[in-house]
Amino acid sequence: MDQIDDLLAETLKSLANPRRLRIIHLLAEAPREVARLAADLGISQPNASQHLGILRTAGLVEAERVGREVRYRLVDPEVTLACAQMRRVLGRRLDRLAALASDRSARPNLTHQPIATR
């Protein structure tokens, strides 16, 4: 493996959490302070800070001081395009699984039935 594969794996690990994905999408709308992110997510401020720290370590978000507040923003907004692409891939996967389940339920049950004995 080369360095880009290692970096990709580490970055994807940092995104492998629904709250962190939600943070990415919220920051795509506009930069936000930790308190506002926490309120938007319905989580505690320390928990939001923990998630932001992981995203910051991964190089996905950066912080800037604005007066007494620290505001977070996306380093590269195109990360949301990568997330959207993956959502489309997963949507197609779910469609295929639903089609398979539908196809199977439309077929008669041909499993072996035990013979009743007297």
PDB file of N, CA and C in Angstrom:
ATOM      1  N   MET A   1       0.845  -1.191   0.000  1.00  0.00           N
ATOM      2  CA  MET A   1       0.000   0.000   0.000  1.00  0.00           C
ATOM      3  C   MET A   1       0.882   1.244   0.000  1.00  0.00           C
ATOM      4  N   ASP A   2       0.376   2.282  -0.631  1.00  0.00           N
ATOM      5  CA  ASP A   2       1.141   3.522  -0.617  1.00  0.00           C
ATOM      6  C   ASP A   2       0.558   4.489   0.414  1.00  0.00           C
ATOM      7  N   GLN A   3       1.201   5.625   0.561  1.00  0.00           N
ATOM      8  CA  GLN A   3       0.808   6.596   1.586  1.00  0.00           C
ATOM      9  C   GLN A   3      -0.615   7.105   1.402  1.00  0.00           C
ATOM     10  N   ILE A   4      -1.049   7.291   0.170  1.00  0.00           N
ATOM     11  CA  ILE A   4      -2.398   7.809  -0.059  1.00  0.00           C
ATOM     12  C   ILE A   4      -3.450   6.818   0.417  1.00  0.00           C
ATOM     13  N   ASP A   5      -3.193   5.506   0.252  1.00  0.00           N
ATOM     14  CA  ASP A   5      -4.132   4.497   0.756  1.00  0.00           C
ATOM     15  C   ASP A   5      -4.208   4.536   2.270  1.00  0.00           C
ATOM     16  N   ASP A   6      -3.054   4.699   2.913  1.00  0.00           N
ATOM     17  CA  ASP A   6      -3.037   4.804   4.373  1.00  0.00           C
ATOM     18  C   ASP A   6      -3.806   6.032   4.841  1.00  0.00           C
ATOM     19  N   LEU A   7      -3.570   7.155   4.179  1.00  0.00           N
ATOM     20  CA  LEU A   7      -4.255   8.397   4.533  1.00  0.00           C
ATOM     21  C   LEU A   7      -5.757   8.281   4.285  1.00  0.00           C
ATOM     22  N   LEU A   8      -6.133   7.666   3.193  1.00  0.00           N
ATOM     23  CA  LEU A   8      -7.545   7.460   2.888  1.00  0.00           C
ATOM     24  C   LEU A   8      -8.209   6.609   3.959  1.00  0.00           C
ATOM     25  N   ALA A   9      -7.562   5.529   4.346  1.00  0.00           N
ATOM     26  CA  ALA A   9      -8.124   4.651   5.373  1.00  0.00           C
ATOM     27  C   ALA A   9      -8.310   5.401   6.692  1.00  0.00           C
ATOM     28  N   GLU A  10      -7.330   6.193   7.082  1.00  0.00           N
ATOM     29  CA  GLU A  10      -7.428   6.965   8.328  1.00  0.00           C
ATOM     30  C   GLU A  10      -8.539   8.012   8.238  1.00  0.00           C
ATOM     31  N   THR A  11      -8.654   8.661   7.099  1.00  0.00           N
ATOM     32  CA  THR A  11      -9.693   9.667   6.922  1.00  0.00           C
ATOM     33  C   THR A  11     -11.071   9.030   6.966  1.00  0.00           C
ATOM     34  N   LEU A  12     -11.231   7.901   6.289  1.00  0.00           N
ATOM     35  CA  LEU A  12     -12.530   7.213   6.296  1.00  0.00           C
ATOM     36  C   LEU A  12     -12.889   6.731   7.697  1.00  0.00           C
ATOM     37  N   LYS A  13     -11.890   6.314   8.466  1.00  0.00           N
ATOM     38  CA  LYS A  13     -12.152   5.921   9.861  1.00  0.00           C
ATOM     39  C   LYS A  13     -12.704   7.102  10.653  1.00  0.00           C
ATOM     40  N   SER A  14     -12.168   8.280  10.396  1.00  0.00           N
ATOM     41  CA  SER A  14     -12.646   9.450  11.136  1.00  0.00           C
ATOM     42  C   SER A  14     -14.083   9.808  10.744  1.00  0.00           C
ATOM     43  N   LEU A  15     -14.501   9.420   9.557  1.00  0.00           N
ATOM     44  CA  LEU A  15     -15.868   9.687   9.102  1.00  0.00           C
ATOM     45  C   LEU A  15     -16.844   8.574   9.468  1.00  0.00           C
ATOM     46  N   ALA A  16     -16.335   7.499  10.033  1.00  0.00           N
ATOM     47  CA  ALA A  16     -17.161   6.319  10.302  1.00  0.00           C
ATOM     48  C   ALA A  16     -17.982   6.483  11.580  1.00  0.00           C
ATOM     49  N   ASN A  17     -18.674   7.599  11.677  1.00  0.00           N
ATOM     50  CA  ASN A  17     -19.523   7.872  12.834  1.00  0.00           C
ATOM     51  C   ASN A  17     -20.641   8.796  12.370  1.00  0.00           C
ATOM     52  N   PRO A  18     -21.880   8.450  12.628  1.00  0.00           N
ATOM     53  CA  PRO A  18     -22.993   9.279  12.147  1.00  0.00           C
ATOM     54  C   PRO A  18     -22.941  10.729  12.641  1.00  0.00           C
ATOM     55  N   ARG A  19     -22.504  10.944  13.869  1.00  0.00           N
ATOM     56  CA  ARG A  19     -22.438  12.322  14.372  1.00  0.00           C
ATOM     57  C   ARG A  19     -21.368  13.125  13.646  1.00  0.00           C
ATOM     58  N   ARG A  20     -20.236  12.492  13.368  1.00  0.00           N
ATOM     59  CA  ARG A  20     -19.184  13.207  12.647  1.00  0.00           C
ATOM     60  C   ARG A  20     -19.620  13.513  11.219  1.00  0.00           C
ATOM     61  N   LEU A  21     -20.339  12.592  10.602  1.00  0.00           N
ATOM     62  CA  LEU A  21     -20.876  12.870   9.269  1.00  0.00           C
ATOM     63  C   LEU A  21     -21.845  14.049   9.325  1.00  0.00           C
ATOM     64  N   ARG A  22     -22.669  14.081  10.350  1.00  0.00           N
ATOM     65  CA  ARG A  22     -23.625  15.189  10.507  1.00  0.00           C
ATOM     66  C   ARG A  22     -22.873  16.506  10.711  1.00  0.00           C
ATOM     67  N   ILE A  23     -21.780  16.476  11.482  1.00  0.00           N
ATOM     68  CA  ILE A  23     -20.967  17.676  11.676  1.00  0.00           C
ATOM     69  C   ILE A  23     -20.433  18.165  10.331  1.00  0.00           C
ATOM     70  N   ILE A  24     -19.946  17.240   9.519  1.00  0.00           N
ATOM     71  CA  ILE A  24     -19.436  17.610   8.194  1.00  0.00           C
ATOM     72  C   ILE A  24     -20.527  18.329   7.393  1.00  0.00           C
ATOM     73  N   HIS A  25     -21.734  17.786   7.417  1.00  0.00           N
ATOM     74  CA  HIS A  25     -22.820  18.387   6.650  1.00  0.00           C
ATOM     75  C   HIS A  25     -23.241  19.741   7.220  1.00  0.00           C
ATOM     76  N   LEU A  26     -23.241  19.878   8.542  1.00  0.00           N
ATOM     77  CA  LEU A  26     -23.569  21.166   9.148  1.00  0.00           C
ATOM     78  C   LEU A  26     -22.511  22.216   8.812  1.00  0.00           C
ATOM     79  N   LEU A  27     -21.243  21.815   8.866  1.00  0.00           N
ATOM     80  CA  LEU A  27     -20.174  22.764   8.550  1.00  0.00           C
ATOM     81  C   LEU A  27     -20.144  23.119   7.063  1.00  0.00           C
ATOM     82  N   ALA A  28     -20.693  22.265   6.230  1.00  0.00           N
ATOM     83  CA  ALA A  28     -20.791  22.586   4.803  1.00  0.00           C
ATOM     84  C   ALA A  28     -21.767  23.742   4.589  1.00  0.00           C
ATOM     85  N   GLU A  29     -22.753  23.856   5.471  1.00  0.00           N
ATOM     86  CA  GLU A  29     -23.719  24.958   5.382  1.00  0.00           C
ATOM     87  C   GLU A  29     -23.078  26.276   5.790  1.00  0.00           C
ATOM     88  N   ALA A  30     -22.299  26.230   6.884  1.00  0.00           N
ATOM     89  CA  ALA A  30     -21.642  27.441   7.396  1.00  0.00           C
ATOM     90  C   ALA A  30     -20.735  27.052   8.555  1.00  0.00           C
ATOM     91  N   PRO A  31     -19.660  27.806   8.763  1.00  0.00           N
ATOM     92  CA  PRO A  31     -18.822  27.564   9.942  1.00  0.00           C
ATOM     93  C   PRO A  31     -19.660  27.727  11.218  1.00  0.00           C
ATOM     94  N   ARG A  32     -19.289  26.981  12.243  1.00  0.00           N
ATOM     95  CA  ARG A  32     -20.056  27.016  13.490  1.00  0.00           C
ATOM     96  C   ARG A  32     -19.149  26.900  14.699  1.00  0.00           C
ATOM     97  N   GLU A  33     -19.642  27.438  15.813  1.00  0.00           N
ATOM     98  CA  GLU A  33     -18.963  27.286  17.090  1.00  0.00           C
ATOM     99  C   GLU A  33     -19.381  25.951  17.700  1.00  0.00           C
ATOM    100  N   VAL A  34     -18.563  25.472  18.627  1.00  0.00           N
ATOM    101  CA  VAL A  34     -18.828  24.179  19.265  1.00  0.00           C
ATOM    102  C   VAL A  34     -20.206  24.162  19.920  1.00  0.00           C
ATOM    103  N   ALA A  35     -20.537  25.214  20.642  1.00  0.00           N
ATOM    104  CA  ALA A  35     -21.830  25.247  21.342  1.00  0.00           C
ATOM    105  C   ALA A  35     -22.990  25.127  20.358  1.00  0.00           C
ATOM    106  N   ARG A  36     -22.884  25.789  19.228  1.00  0.00           N
ATOM    107  CA  ARG A  36     -23.964  25.727  18.228  1.00  0.00           C
ATOM    108  C   ARG A  36     -24.042  24.333  17.604  1.00  0.00           C
ATOM    109  N   LEU A  37     -22.875  23.743  17.306  1.00  0.00           N
ATOM    110  CA  LEU A  37     -22.871  22.376  16.774  1.00  0.00           C
ATOM    111  C   LEU A  37     -23.505  21.414  17.766  1.00  0.00           C
ATOM    112  N   ALA A  38     -23.133  21.560  19.037  1.00  0.00           N
ATOM    113  CA  ALA A  38     -23.691  20.683  20.063  1.00  0.00           C
ATOM    114  C   ALA A  38     -25.210  20.818  20.119  1.00  0.00           C
ATOM    115  N   ALA A  39     -25.689  22.052  20.083  1.00  0.00           N
ATOM    116  CA  ALA A  39     -27.134  22.285  20.106  1.00  0.00           C
ATOM    117  C   ALA A  39     -27.809  21.714  18.863  1.00  0.00           C
ATOM    118  N   ASP A  40     -27.206  21.929  17.709  1.00  0.00           N
ATOM    119  CA  ASP A  40     -27.773  21.414  16.457  1.00  0.00           C
ATOM    120  C   ASP A  40     -27.846  19.888  16.454  1.00  0.00           C
ATOM    121  N   LEU A  41     -26.867  19.250  17.103  1.00  0.00           N
ATOM    122  CA  LEU A  41     -26.810  17.789  17.131  1.00  0.00           C
ATOM    123  C   LEU A  41     -27.557  17.187  18.321  1.00  0.00           C
ATOM    124  N   GLY A  42     -27.886  18.008  19.300  1.00  0.00           N
ATOM    125  CA  GLY A  42     -28.546  17.505  20.502  1.00  0.00           C
ATOM    126  C   GLY A  42     -27.599  16.697  21.377  1.00  0.00           C
ATOM    127  N   ILE A  43     -26.339  17.111  21.421  1.00  0.00           N
ATOM    128  CA  ILE A  43     -25.334  16.421  22.234  1.00  0.00           C
ATOM    129  C   ILE A  43     -24.649  17.443  23.140  1.00  0.00           C
ATOM    130  N   SER A  44     -23.875  16.949  24.091  1.00  0.00           N
ATOM    131  CA  SER A  44     -23.172  17.855  24.990  1.00  0.00           C
ATOM    132  C   SER A  44     -22.025  18.554  24.256  1.00  0.00           C
ATOM    133  N   GLN A  45     -21.626  19.691  24.793  1.00  0.00           N
ATOM    134  CA  GLN A  45     -20.519  20.426  24.192  1.00  0.00           C
ATOM    135  C   GLN A  45     -19.212  19.621  24.260  1.00  0.00           C
ATOM    136  N   PRO A  46     -18.914  18.938  25.391  1.00  0.00           N
ATOM    137  CA  PRO A  46     -17.697  18.120  25.400  1.00  0.00           C
ATOM    138  C   PRO A  46     -17.712  17.008  24.350  1.00  0.00           C
ATOM    139  N   ASN A  47     -18.889  16.416  24.122  1.00  0.00           N
ATOM    140  CA  ASN A  47     -18.989  15.368  23.107  1.00  0.00           C
ATOM    141  C   ASN A  47     -18.765  15.937  21.715  1.00  0.00           C
ATOM    142  N   ALA A  48     -19.332  17.117  21.444  1.00  0.00           N
ATOM    143  CA  ALA A  48     -19.109  17.780  20.152  1.00  0.00           C
ATOM    144  C   ALA A  48     -17.629  18.097  19.979  1.00  0.00           C
ATOM    145  N   SER A  49     -16.991  18.576  21.035  1.00  0.00           N
ATOM    146  CA  SER A  49     -15.560  18.894  20.980  1.00  0.00           C
ATOM    147  C   SER A  49     -14.731  17.653  20.684  1.00  0.00           C
ATOM    148  N   GLN A  50     -15.122  16.537  21.268  1.00  0.00           N
ATOM    149  CA  GLN A  50     -14.408  15.275  21.025  1.00  0.00           C
ATOM    150  C   GLN A  50     -14.504  14.887  19.545  1.00  0.00           C
ATOM    151  N   HIS A  51     -15.695  14.960  18.985  1.00  0.00           N
ATOM    152  CA  HIS A  51     -15.875  14.638  17.563  1.00  0.00           C
ATOM    153  C   HIS A  51     -15.097  15.607  16.676  1.00  0.00           C
ATOM    154  N   LEU A  52     -15.132  16.882  17.021  1.00  0.00           N
ATOM    155  CA  LEU A  52     -14.391  17.878  16.246  1.00  0.00           C
ATOM    156  C   LEU A  52     -12.889  17.623  16.325  1.00  0.00           C
ATOM    157  N   GLY A  53     -12.416  17.181  17.469  1.00  0.00           N
ATOM    158  CA  GLY A  53     -10.998  16.866  17.614  1.00  0.00           C
ATOM    159  C   GLY A  53     -10.571  15.754  16.673  1.00  0.00           C
ATOM    160  N   ILE A  54     -11.414  14.747  16.535  1.00  0.00           N
ATOM    161  CA  ILE A  54     -11.116  13.640  15.623  1.00  0.00           C
ATOM    162  C   ILE A  54     -11.087  14.137  14.180  1.00  0.00           C
ATOM    163  N   LEU A  55     -12.063  14.953  13.828  1.00  0.00           N
ATOM    164  CA  LEU A  55     -12.112  15.502  12.468  1.00  0.00           C
ATOM    165  C   LEU A  55     -10.948  16.463  12.211  1.00  0.00           C
ATOM    166  N   ARG A  56     -10.547  17.161  13.243  1.00  0.00           N
ATOM    167  CA  ARG A  56      -9.412  18.087  13.111  1.00  0.00           C
ATOM    168  C   ARG A  56      -8.112  17.316  12.921  1.00  0.00           C
ATOM    169  N   THR A  57      -7.926  16.268  13.698  1.00  0.00           N
ATOM    170  CA  THR A  57      -6.731  15.425  13.569  1.00  0.00           C
ATOM    171  C   THR A  57      -6.651  14.819  12.170  1.00  0.00           C
ATOM    172  N   ALA A  58      -7.803  14.489  11.615  1.00  0.00           N
ATOM    173  CA  ALA A  58      -7.849  13.910  10.268  1.00  0.00           C
ATOM    174  C   ALA A  58      -7.644  14.971   9.182  1.00  0.00           C
ATOM    175  N   GLY A  59      -7.601  16.228   9.580  1.00  0.00           N
ATOM    176  CA  GLY A  59      -7.391  17.295   8.601  1.00  0.00           C
ATOM    177  C   GLY A  59      -8.637  17.694   7.843  1.00  0.00           C
ATOM    178  N   LEU A  60      -9.796  17.333   8.365  1.00  0.00           N
ATOM    179  CA  LEU A  60     -11.047  17.641   7.674  1.00  0.00           C
ATOM    180  C   LEU A  60     -11.649  18.965   8.101  1.00  0.00           C
ATOM    181  N   VAL A  61     -11.404  19.368   9.345  1.00  0.00           N
ATOM    182  CA  VAL A  61     -11.897  20.654   9.829  1.00  0.00           C
ATOM    183  C   VAL A  61     -10.740  21.433  10.437  1.00  0.00           C
ATOM    184  N   GLU A  62     -10.944  22.737  10.498  1.00  0.00           N
ATOM    185  CA  GLU A  62      -9.956  23.577  11.174  1.00  0.00           C
ATOM    186  C   GLU A  62     -10.702  24.589  12.019  1.00  0.00           C
ATOM    187  N   ALA A  63     -10.003  25.096  13.022  1.00  0.00           N
ATOM    188  CA  ALA A  63     -10.608  26.036  13.953  1.00  0.00           C
ATOM    189  C   ALA A  63      -9.981  27.407  13.766  1.00  0.00           C
ATOM    190  N   GLU A  64     -10.808  28.421  13.947  1.00  0.00           N
ATOM    191  CA  GLU A  64     -10.292  29.783  13.951  1.00  0.00           C
ATOM    192  C   GLU A  64     -10.946  30.518  15.110  1.00  0.00           C
ATOM    193  N   ARG A  65     -10.158  31.328  15.790  1.00  0.00           N
ATOM    194  CA  ARG A  65     -10.671  32.097  16.911  1.00  0.00           C
ATOM    195  C   ARG A  65     -11.352  33.348  16.377  1.00  0.00           C
ATOM    196  N   VAL A  66     -12.583  33.553  16.852  1.00  0.00           N
ATOM    197  CA  VAL A  66     -13.355  34.739  16.501  1.00  0.00           C
ATOM    198  C   VAL A  66     -13.790  35.359  17.825  1.00  0.00           C
ATOM    199  N   GLY A  67     -13.032  36.342  18.270  1.00  0.00           N
ATOM    200  CA  GLY A  67     -13.300  36.922  19.582  1.00  0.00           C
ATOM    201  C   GLY A  67     -13.021  35.876  20.653  1.00  0.00           C
ATOM    202  N   ARG A  68     -14.020  35.611  21.483  1.00  0.00           N
ATOM    203  CA  ARG A  68     -13.859  34.612  22.543  1.00  0.00           C
ATOM    204  C   ARG A  68     -14.252  33.213  22.076  1.00  0.00           C
ATOM    205  N   GLU A  69     -14.847  33.128  20.921  1.00  0.00           N
ATOM    206  CA  GLU A  69     -15.337  31.848  20.399  1.00  0.00           C
ATOM    207  C   GLU A  69     -14.324  31.200  19.460  1.00  0.00           C
ATOM    208  N   VAL A  70     -14.422  29.883  19.365  1.00  0.00           N
ATOM    209  CA  VAL A  70     -13.653  29.136  18.368  1.00  0.00           C
ATOM    210  C   VAL A  70     -14.658  28.613  17.360  1.00  0.00           C
ATOM    211  N   ARG A  71     -14.473  28.986  16.111  1.00  0.00           N
ATOM    212  CA  ARG A  71     -15.381  28.589  15.044  1.00  0.00           C
ATOM    213  C   ARG A  71     -14.691  27.543  14.183  1.00  0.00           C
ATOM    214  N   TYR A  72     -15.440  26.479  13.867  1.00  0.00           N
ATOM    215  CA  TYR A  72     -14.923  25.399  13.031  1.00  0.00           C
ATOM    216  C   TYR A  72     -15.476  25.517  11.627  1.00  0.00           C
ATOM    217  N   ARG A  73     -14.648  25.130  10.677  1.00  0.00           N
ATOM    218  CA  ARG A  73     -15.076  25.110   9.281  1.00  0.00           C
ATOM    219  C   ARG A  73     -14.393  23.937   8.586  1.00  0.00           C
ATOM    220  N   LEU A  74     -14.939  23.559   7.441  1.00  0.00           N
ATOM    221  CA  LEU A  74     -14.332  22.495   6.651  1.00  0.00           C
ATOM    222  C   LEU A  74     -13.055  23.001   6.005  1.00  0.00           C
ATOM    223  N   VAL A  75     -12.026  22.175   6.003  1.00  0.00           N
ATOM    224  CA  VAL A  75     -10.785  22.521   5.313  1.00  0.00           C
ATOM    225  C   VAL A  75     -11.028  22.494   3.808  1.00  0.00           C
ATOM    226  N   ASP A  76     -11.714  21.458   3.340  1.00  0.00           N
ATOM    227  CA  ASP A  76     -12.010  21.309   1.915  1.00  0.00           C
ATOM    228  C   ASP A  76     -13.473  20.897   1.769  1.00  0.00           C
ATOM    229  N   PRO A  77     -14.336  21.814   1.372  1.00  0.00           N
ATOM    230  CA  PRO A  77     -15.764  21.514   1.265  1.00  0.00           C
ATOM    231  C   PRO A  77     -16.087  20.337   0.337  1.00  0.00           C
ATOM    232  N   GLU A  78     -15.158  19.953  -0.528  1.00  0.00           N
ATOM    233  CA  GLU A  78     -15.437  18.832  -1.430  1.00  0.00           C
ATOM    234  C   GLU A  78     -15.564  17.499  -0.705  1.00  0.00           C
ATOM    235  N   VAL A  79     -15.220  17.453   0.571  1.00  0.00           N
ATOM    236  CA  VAL A  79     -15.426  16.221   1.324  1.00  0.00           C
ATOM    237  C   VAL A  79     -16.909  15.851   1.324  1.00  0.00           C
ATOM    238  N   THR A  80     -17.780  16.859   1.247  1.00  0.00           N
ATOM    239  CA  THR A  80     -19.214  16.568   1.198  1.00  0.00           C
ATOM    240  C   THR A  80     -19.598  15.898  -0.120  1.00  0.00           C
ATOM    241  N   LEU A  81     -18.855  16.189  -1.197  1.00  0.00           N
ATOM    242  CA  LEU A  81     -19.110  15.512  -2.472  1.00  0.00           C
ATOM    243  C   LEU A  81     -18.765  14.030  -2.362  1.00  0.00           C
ATOM    244  N   ALA A  82     -17.667  13.734  -1.661  1.00  0.00           N
ATOM    245  CA  ALA A  82     -17.286  12.334  -1.463  1.00  0.00           C
ATOM    246  C   ALA A  82     -18.348  11.611  -0.641  1.00  0.00           C
ATOM    247  N   CYS A  83     -18.862  12.279   0.385  1.00  0.00           N
ATOM    248  CA  CYS A  83     -19.920  11.678   1.208  1.00  0.00           C
ATOM    249  C   CYS A  83     -21.183  11.453   0.376  1.00  0.00           C
ATOM    250  N   ALA A  84     -21.529  12.426  -0.455  1.00  0.00           N
ATOM    251  CA  ALA A  84     -22.721  12.295  -1.301  1.00  0.00           C
ATOM    252  C   ALA A  84     -22.567  11.151  -2.292  1.00  0.00           C
ATOM    253  N   GLN A  85     -21.379  11.000  -2.848  1.00  0.00           N
ATOM    254  CA  GLN A  85     -21.133   9.897  -3.779  1.00  0.00           C
ATOM    255  C   GLN A  85     -21.308   8.553  -3.072  1.00  0.00           C
ATOM    256  N   MET A  86     -20.794   8.449  -1.866  1.00  0.00           N
ATOM    257  CA  MET A  86     -20.921   7.196  -1.122  1.00  0.00           C
ATOM    258  C   MET A  86     -22.386   6.918  -0.775  1.00  0.00           C
ATOM    259  N   ARG A  87     -23.141   7.964  -0.476  1.00  0.00           N
ATOM    260  CA  ARG A  87     -24.582   7.792  -0.212  1.00  0.00           C
ATOM    261  C   ARG A  87     -25.287   7.223  -1.443  1.00  0.00           C
ATOM    262  N   ARG A  88     -24.895   7.700  -2.636  1.00  0.00           N
ATOM    263  CA  ARG A  88     -25.500   7.173  -3.867  1.00  0.00           C
ATOM    264  C   ARG A  88     -25.131   5.706  -4.057  1.00  0.00           C
ATOM    265  N   VAL A  89     -23.883   5.360  -3.803  1.00  0.00           N
ATOM    266  CA  VAL A  89     -23.441   3.956  -3.907  1.00  0.00           C
ATOM    267  C   VAL A  89     -24.256   3.089  -2.954  1.00  0.00           C
ATOM    268  N   LEU A  90     -24.407   3.549  -1.712  1.00  0.00           N
ATOM    269  CA  LEU A  90     -25.153   2.776  -0.719  1.00  0.00           C
ATOM    270  C   LEU A  90     -26.645   2.722  -1.048  1.00  0.00           C
ATOM    271  N   GLY A  91     -27.172   3.785  -1.615  1.00  0.00           N
ATOM    272  CA  GLY A  91     -28.574   3.782  -2.038  1.00  0.00           C
ATOM    273  C   GLY A  91     -28.823   2.725  -3.103  1.00  0.00           C
ATOM    274  N   ARG A  92     -27.902   2.627  -4.056  1.00  0.00           N
ATOM    275  CA  ARG A  92     -28.037   1.592  -5.095  1.00  0.00           C
ATOM    276  C   ARG A  92     -27.915   0.197  -4.480  1.00  0.00           C
ATOM    277  N   ARG A  93     -27.038   0.053  -3.504  1.00  0.00           N
ATOM    278  CA  ARG A  93     -26.889  -1.242  -2.829  1.00  0.00           C
ATOM    279  C   ARG A  93     -28.189  -1.623  -2.121  1.00  0.00           C
ATOM    280  N   LEU A  94     -28.788  -0.674  -1.426  1.00  0.00           N
ATOM    281  CA  LEU A  94     -30.061  -0.949  -0.747  1.00  0.00           C
ATOM    282  C   LEU A  94     -31.154  -1.295  -1.755  1.00  0.00           C
ATOM    283  N   ASP A  95     -31.165  -0.611  -2.894  1.00  0.00           N
ATOM    284  CA  ASP A  95     -32.143  -0.923  -3.940  1.00  0.00           C
ATOM    285  C   ASP A  95     -31.970  -2.357  -4.435  1.00  0.00           C
ATOM    286  N   ARG A  96     -30.707  -2.773  -4.634  1.00  0.00           N
ATOM    287  CA  ARG A  96     -30.450  -4.155  -5.093  1.00  0.00           C
ATOM    288  C   ARG A  96     -30.896  -5.165  -4.041  1.00  0.00           C
ATOM    289  N   LEU A  97     -30.606  -4.883  -2.776  1.00  0.00           N
ATOM    290  CA  LEU A  97     -31.011  -5.798  -1.702  1.00  0.00           C
ATOM    291  C   LEU A  97     -32.534  -5.878  -1.602  1.00  0.00           C
ATOM    292  N   ALA A  98     -33.204  -4.742  -1.749  1.00  0.00           N
ATOM    293  CA  ALA A  98     -34.669  -4.738  -1.716  1.00  0.00           C
ATOM    294  C   ALA A  98     -35.235  -5.534  -2.881  1.00  0.00           C
ATOM    295  N   ALA A  99     -34.620  -5.405  -4.061  1.00  0.00           N
ATOM    296  CA  ALA A  99     -35.079  -6.154  -5.232  1.00  0.00           C
ATOM    297  C   ALA A  99     -34.883  -7.652  -5.012  1.00  0.00           C
ATOM    298  N   LEU A 100     -33.746  -8.020  -4.423  1.00  0.00           N
ATOM    299  CA  LEU A 100     -33.506  -9.438  -4.124  1.00  0.00           C
ATOM    300  C   LEU A 100     -34.537  -9.971  -3.143  1.00  0.00           C
ATOM    301  N   ALA A 101     -34.811  -9.207  -2.098  1.00  0.00           N
ATOM    302  CA  ALA A 101     -35.788  -9.635  -1.095  1.00  0.00           C
ATOM    303  C   ALA A 101     -37.170  -9.749  -1.717  1.00  0.00           C
ATOM    304  N   SER A 102     -37.516  -8.813  -2.576  1.00  0.00           N
ATOM    305  CA  SER A 102     -38.812  -8.840  -3.246  1.00  0.00           C
ATOM    306  C   SER A 102     -38.912 -10.043  -4.174  1.00  0.00           C
ATOM    307  N   ASP A 103     -37.827 -10.309  -4.896  1.00  0.00           N
ATOM    308  CA  ASP A 103     -37.786 -11.447  -5.812  1.00  0.00           C
ATOM    309  C   ASP A 103     -37.951 -12.755  -5.041  1.00  0.00           C
ATOM    310  N   ARG A 104     -37.294 -12.872  -3.919  1.00  0.00           N
ATOM    311  CA  ARG A 104     -37.383 -14.095  -3.109  1.00  0.00           C
ATOM    312  C   ARG A 104     -38.762 -14.277  -2.505  1.00  0.00           C
ATOM    313  N   SER A 105     -39.383 -13.181  -2.083  1.00  0.00           N
ATOM    314  CA  SER A 105     -40.710 -13.309  -1.470  1.00  0.00           C
ATOM    315  C   SER A 105     -41.775 -13.621  -2.511  1.00  0.00           C
ATOM    316  N   ALA A 106     -41.516 -13.321  -3.780  1.00  0.00           N
ATOM    317  CA  ALA A 106     -42.480 -13.606  -4.840  1.00  0.00           C
ATOM    318  C   ALA A 106     -42.458 -15.074  -5.242  1.00  0.00           C
ATOM    319  N   ARG A 107     -41.363 -15.762  -4.953  1.00  0.00           N
ATOM    320  CA  ARG A 107     -41.274 -17.186  -5.298  1.00  0.00           C
ATOM    321  C   ARG A 107     -41.959 -18.041  -4.233  1.00  0.00           C
ATOM    322  N   PRO A 108     -42.561 -19.173  -4.649  1.00  0.00           N
ATOM    323  CA  PRO A 108     -43.163 -20.064  -3.649  1.00  0.00           C
ATOM    324  C   PRO A 108     -42.072 -20.680  -2.775  1.00  0.00           C
ATOM    325  N   ASN A 109     -42.459 -20.991  -1.565  1.00  0.00           N
ATOM    326  CA  ASN A 109     -41.525 -21.609  -0.631  1.00  0.00           C
ATOM    327  C   ASN A 109     -41.364 -23.075  -1.013  1.00  0.00           C
ATOM    328  N   LEU A 110     -40.182 -23.443  -1.498  1.00  0.00           N
ATOM    329  CA  LEU A 110     -39.932 -24.808  -1.958  1.00  0.00           C
ATOM    330  C   LEU A 110     -39.117 -25.611  -0.957  1.00  0.00           C
ATOM    331  N   THR A 111     -39.072 -25.139   0.267  1.00  0.00           N
ATOM    332  CA  THR A 111     -38.290 -25.878   1.264  1.00  0.00           C
ATOM    333  C   THR A 111     -39.005 -27.175   1.606  1.00  0.00           C
ATOM    334  N   HIS A 112     -38.249 -28.130   2.027  1.00  0.00           N
ATOM    335  CA  HIS A 112     -38.780 -29.440   2.383  1.00  0.00           C
ATOM    336  C   HIS A 112     -39.671 -29.341   3.604  1.00  0.00           C
ATOM    337  N   GLN A 113     -40.882 -29.843   3.495  1.00  0.00           N
ATOM    338  CA  GLN A 113     -41.823 -29.843   4.607  1.00  0.00           C
ATOM    339  C   GLN A 113     -41.816 -31.244   5.232  1.00  0.00           C
ATOM    340  N   PRO A 114     -41.790 -31.346   6.538  1.00  0.00           N
ATOM    341  CA  PRO A 114     -41.810 -32.679   7.159  1.00  0.00           C
ATOM    342  C   PRO A 114     -43.137 -33.392   6.882  1.00  0.00           C
ATOM    343  N   ILE A 115     -43.051 -34.709   6.741  1.00  0.00           N
ATOM    344  CA  ILE A 115     -44.227 -35.528   6.494  1.00  0.00           C
ATOM    345  C   ILE A 115     -44.897 -35.819   7.825  1.00  0.00           C
ATOM    346  N   ALA A 116     -46.195 -35.585   7.857  1.00  0.00           N
ATOM    347  CA  ALA A 116     -46.936 -35.820   9.103  1.00  0.00           C
ATOM    348  C   ALA A 116     -47.017 -37.317   9.361  1.00  0.00           C
ATOM    349  N   THR A 117     -46.817 -37.722  10.571  1.00  0.00           N
ATOM    350  CA  THR A 117     -46.936 -39.143  10.952  1.00  0.00           C
ATOM    351  C   THR A 117     -48.091 -39.297  11.902  1.00  0.00           C
ATOM    352  N   ARG A 118     -48.641 -40.528  11.905  1.00  0.00           N
ATOM    353  CA  ARG A 118     -49.750 -40.791  12.809  1.00  0.00           C
ATOM    354  C   ARG A 118     -49.289 -41.304  14.122  1.00  0.00           C
TER     355      ARG A 118
END
